[in-house]
Structure formats: C-alpha cells, structure tokens
Amino acid sequence: MRPAGGCAAGVDPLDDAVSLAPWGWRDGGTIVELPAAIPVQDAVAAFAGSPQTRLRGLVCVVDAAGLLDALHEDGYVAYPAWGRRGRLLEYTARATVTATQIEHASVVRVVNWRPLPRARLRAVLDLVRALSPCARIRLQHRGTRPPALDTPYSPDE
C-alpha cells in the first residue's frame, strides 16, 4: 500500500486507495492512510460501497498536546468538487475537518499525551468522547499493537 503522499499524487487519491486496498490484503486487513484533503465521509462511502473492500473501521490519530490548538485553527482545507462549470474547489475550515475525522472514528489513538498536566489530558479525552461517544479511545504507549477493528462499517454509518 502506498503511503498518503503516494496516493495524494494521483488524479483521484481516494479512487487510487480503494483500487489498491485489495492488493495489500494481509493478515485480515489493510490499513490505508489518506491525505487530509479527502473528506472522511467520502472515504467511508468509497470503501463501504466497493464490492472489493470491506471497511472495518476508521482510526483517527489525535495529538493530545495540539488538539485544542487544532480546533481553534482558522485555516481552510480545499476539497476537489464538481459543479455546473466543471471541477472546482470547496473550502472547509481545518477545525471542522479535525472534528469530523474524530466524529467518524471507530478508534481514536491519542499520542503525545505524556507531557500534558492531568487536568488538560482529562479535558482532551472528554472532548474526544464528546465528539465520538462510540469510539474506543486508546492512549498510545510505546510498542502498542494496532487496534482491533471487529465490526465492519456499512454505508449507512
């Protein structure tokens, strides 16, 4: 599987990832990293709707030390879209992209949490729980195994 940078170089990185995912099937699954310029809703629809792939979950990696700053960021992410006049760009607030990725996650892996004071870490974890109440939230420890993704996603989720 090509990393996100490799998929981002294609004409349609999401289509590229969906078509490559079945080729990387090993030990029960393939982990695909997509660039931030791919809306998470489009990724769920593409993988869950493909007859050759089965979406078992979404893992969102959250930088605990930087999450609150990321949610206050005022920059934008440009998404390719199609309009009446052909291809165009839609702009979405970077903070909205961050929140949406956490909301759709089945597993949230929290990294860079050790330097935080206990109260700030608790606030970050409470925020993640509020954004994605059904997600399994895990603090990243050295040598932690990849998360188990037991139940497949459906296009309705």
Protein backbone atom coordinates (compact mmCIF):
# COMPACT_ATOMS: atom_id res chain seq x y z
CA MET A 1 0.00 0.00 0.00
CA ARG A 2 1.36 3.40 -0.89
CA PRO A 3 1.53 5.98 1.91
CA ALA A 4 -0.75 9.01 1.89
CA GLY A 5 1.79 11.07 -0.04
CA GLY A 6 1.80 8.47 -2.82
CA CYS A 7 -1.99 8.38 -3.03
CA ALA A 8 -2.15 12.17 -2.97
CA ALA A 9 -0.06 12.32 -6.16
CA GLY A 10 -2.75 10.54 -8.21
CA VAL A 11 -5.61 12.15 -10.12
CA ASP A 12 -8.14 10.82 -7.59
CA PRO A 13 -6.34 9.69 -4.42
CA LEU A 14 -9.45 8.09 -2.94
CA ASP A 15 -10.16 6.04 -6.06
CA ASP A 16 -6.48 5.10 -6.13
CA ALA A 17 -6.60 3.91 -2.48
CA VAL A 18 -9.83 1.91 -2.98
CA SER A 19 -8.41 0.14 -6.04
CA LEU A 20 -5.08 -0.63 -4.30
CA ALA A 21 -6.51 -1.79 -0.94
CA PRO A 22 -7.45 -5.33 -2.07
CA TRP A 23 -3.90 -5.90 -3.35
CA GLY A 24 -2.41 -5.23 0.08
CA TRP A 25 -4.65 -7.71 1.91
CA ARG A 26 -2.52 -9.47 4.52
CA ASP A 27 -3.40 -10.97 7.90
CA GLY A 28 -7.02 -9.95 7.71
CA GLY A 29 -6.78 -6.36 6.54
CA THR A 30 -5.05 -3.37 5.06
CA ILE A 31 -4.51 -0.03 6.72
CA VAL A 32 -4.86 2.87 4.30
CA GLU A 33 -3.67 6.36 5.21
CA LEU A 34 -5.43 9.10 3.27
CA PRO A 35 -4.44 12.75 2.92
CA ALA A 36 -6.40 15.35 4.91
CA ALA A 37 -7.80 16.70 1.64
CA ILE A 38 -10.11 13.66 1.42
CA PRO A 39 -13.40 14.23 3.29
CA VAL A 40 -13.87 11.38 5.76
CA GLN A 41 -17.49 10.93 4.63
CA ASP A 42 -16.27 10.33 1.06
CA ALA A 43 -13.73 7.77 2.31
CA VAL A 44 -16.40 5.85 4.24
CA ALA A 45 -18.72 5.86 1.22
CA ALA A 46 -16.00 4.77 -1.20
CA PHE A 47 -14.65 1.88 0.89
CA ALA A 48 -18.01 0.70 2.25
CA GLY A 49 -19.57 0.88 -1.21
CA SER A 50 -16.83 -1.03 -3.02
CA PRO A 51 -17.54 -4.72 -3.68
CA GLN A 52 -13.80 -5.49 -3.39
CA THR A 53 -13.21 -3.91 0.03
CA ARG A 54 -14.77 -4.14 3.45
CA LEU A 55 -14.40 -1.15 5.73
CA ARG A 56 -13.83 -2.47 9.23
CA GLY A 57 -13.22 0.84 10.94
CA LEU A 58 -11.61 4.23 10.95
CA VAL A 59 -8.63 5.01 13.14
CA CYS A 60 -8.03 8.66 13.96
CA VAL A 61 -4.69 9.61 15.49
CA VAL A 62 -5.07 12.61 17.79
CA ASP A 63 -2.13 14.68 19.04
CA ALA A 64 -3.25 15.39 22.61
CA ALA A 65 -0.87 18.31 23.05
CA GLY A 66 -2.08 20.01 19.87
CA LEU A 67 -5.78 19.10 19.67
CA LEU A 68 -7.20 22.20 21.33
CA ASP A 69 -5.00 24.43 19.15
CA ALA A 70 -6.07 22.48 16.05
CA LEU A 71 -9.73 23.10 16.89
CA HIS A 72 -9.03 26.85 17.15
CA GLU A 73 -7.17 26.99 13.84
CA ASP A 74 -8.67 29.36 11.30
CA GLY A 75 -7.16 27.93 8.11
CA TYR A 76 -9.01 26.05 5.39
CA VAL A 77 -8.65 22.76 3.50
CA ALA A 78 -9.51 22.76 -0.20
CA TYR A 79 -11.54 19.77 -1.39
CA PRO A 80 -11.93 18.99 -5.09
CA ALA A 81 -15.59 19.04 -6.13
CA TRP A 82 -17.68 19.09 -9.29
CA GLY A 83 -20.01 21.95 -10.10
CA ARG A 84 -22.05 23.12 -13.06
CA ARG A 85 -18.92 24.59 -14.60
CA GLY A 86 -16.71 21.54 -14.11
CA ARG A 87 -14.12 20.86 -11.45
CA LEU A 88 -13.82 23.40 -8.64
CA LEU A 89 -12.66 23.59 -5.04
CA GLU A 90 -14.77 23.64 -1.91
CA TYR A 91 -13.21 25.09 1.23
CA THR A 92 -13.82 23.69 4.70
CA ALA A 93 -12.42 25.05 7.95
CA ARG A 94 -9.45 22.99 9.13
CA ALA A 95 -11.01 22.82 12.63
CA THR A 96 -14.16 21.31 11.10
CA VAL A 97 -12.05 18.71 9.28
CA THR A 98 -10.32 17.77 12.54
CA ALA A 99 -13.62 17.47 14.45
CA THR A 100 -15.25 15.46 11.63
CA GLN A 101 -12.37 12.98 11.49
CA ILE A 102 -12.71 12.34 15.22
CA GLU A 103 -16.52 12.10 14.98
CA HIS A 104 -16.34 9.34 12.35
CA ALA A 105 -13.60 7.30 14.04
CA SER A 106 -14.26 3.87 15.45
CA VAL A 107 -10.90 4.00 17.26
CA VAL A 108 -9.14 7.17 18.44
CA ARG A 109 -5.46 6.70 19.20
CA VAL A 110 -4.19 9.53 21.43
CA VAL A 111 -0.49 10.34 21.06
CA ASN A 112 1.80 12.92 22.68
CA TRP A 113 -0.22 12.85 25.91
CA ARG A 114 2.56 12.29 28.47
CA PRO A 115 3.74 15.93 28.72
CA LEU A 116 0.22 17.20 29.50
CA PRO A 117 -0.90 18.04 33.02
CA ARG A 118 -3.58 15.65 34.24
CA ALA A 119 -6.39 18.22 34.04
CA ARG A 120 -5.55 19.11 30.41
CA LEU A 121 -5.35 15.44 29.41
CA ARG A 122 -8.73 14.85 31.05
CA ALA A 123 -10.17 17.80 29.07
CA VAL A 124 -8.75 16.42 25.80
CA LEU A 125 -10.15 12.94 26.48
CA ASP A 126 -13.55 14.39 27.45
CA LEU A 127 -13.60 16.39 24.22
CA VAL A 128 -12.75 13.29 22.15
CA ARG A 129 -15.50 11.34 23.97
CA ALA A 130 -17.99 14.12 23.27
CA LEU A 131 -17.10 14.20 19.57
CA SER A 132 -17.13 10.41 19.16
CA PRO A 133 -19.05 8.75 22.02
CA CYS A 134 -18.97 5.27 20.45
CA ALA A 135 -15.25 5.24 19.58
CA ARG A 136 -12.72 3.21 21.50
CA ILE A 137 -10.20 5.72 22.86
CA ARG A 138 -6.68 4.46 23.48
CA LEU A 139 -3.62 6.24 24.81
CA GLN A 140 -0.61 5.38 22.67
CA HIS A 141 2.10 3.60 24.63
CA ARG A 142 5.46 2.57 23.23
CA GLY A 143 5.08 -0.75 21.44
CA THR A 144 1.27 -0.64 21.37
CA ARG A 145 -0.25 -3.07 18.91
CA PRO A 146 -2.52 -1.82 16.11
CA PRO A 147 -6.17 -1.54 17.14
CA ALA A 148 -8.52 -4.45 16.55
CA LEU A 149 -11.34 -3.49 14.21
CA ASP A 150 -14.03 -6.06 14.83
CA THR A 151 -17.18 -4.84 13.15
CA PRO A 152 -17.37 -3.70 9.53
CA TYR A 153 -18.75 -0.29 8.68
CA SER A 154 -21.78 -0.05 6.47
CA PRO A 155 -22.52 2.75 4.00
CA ASP A 156 -25.24 3.93 6.44
CA GLU A 157 -22.74 4.89 9.18
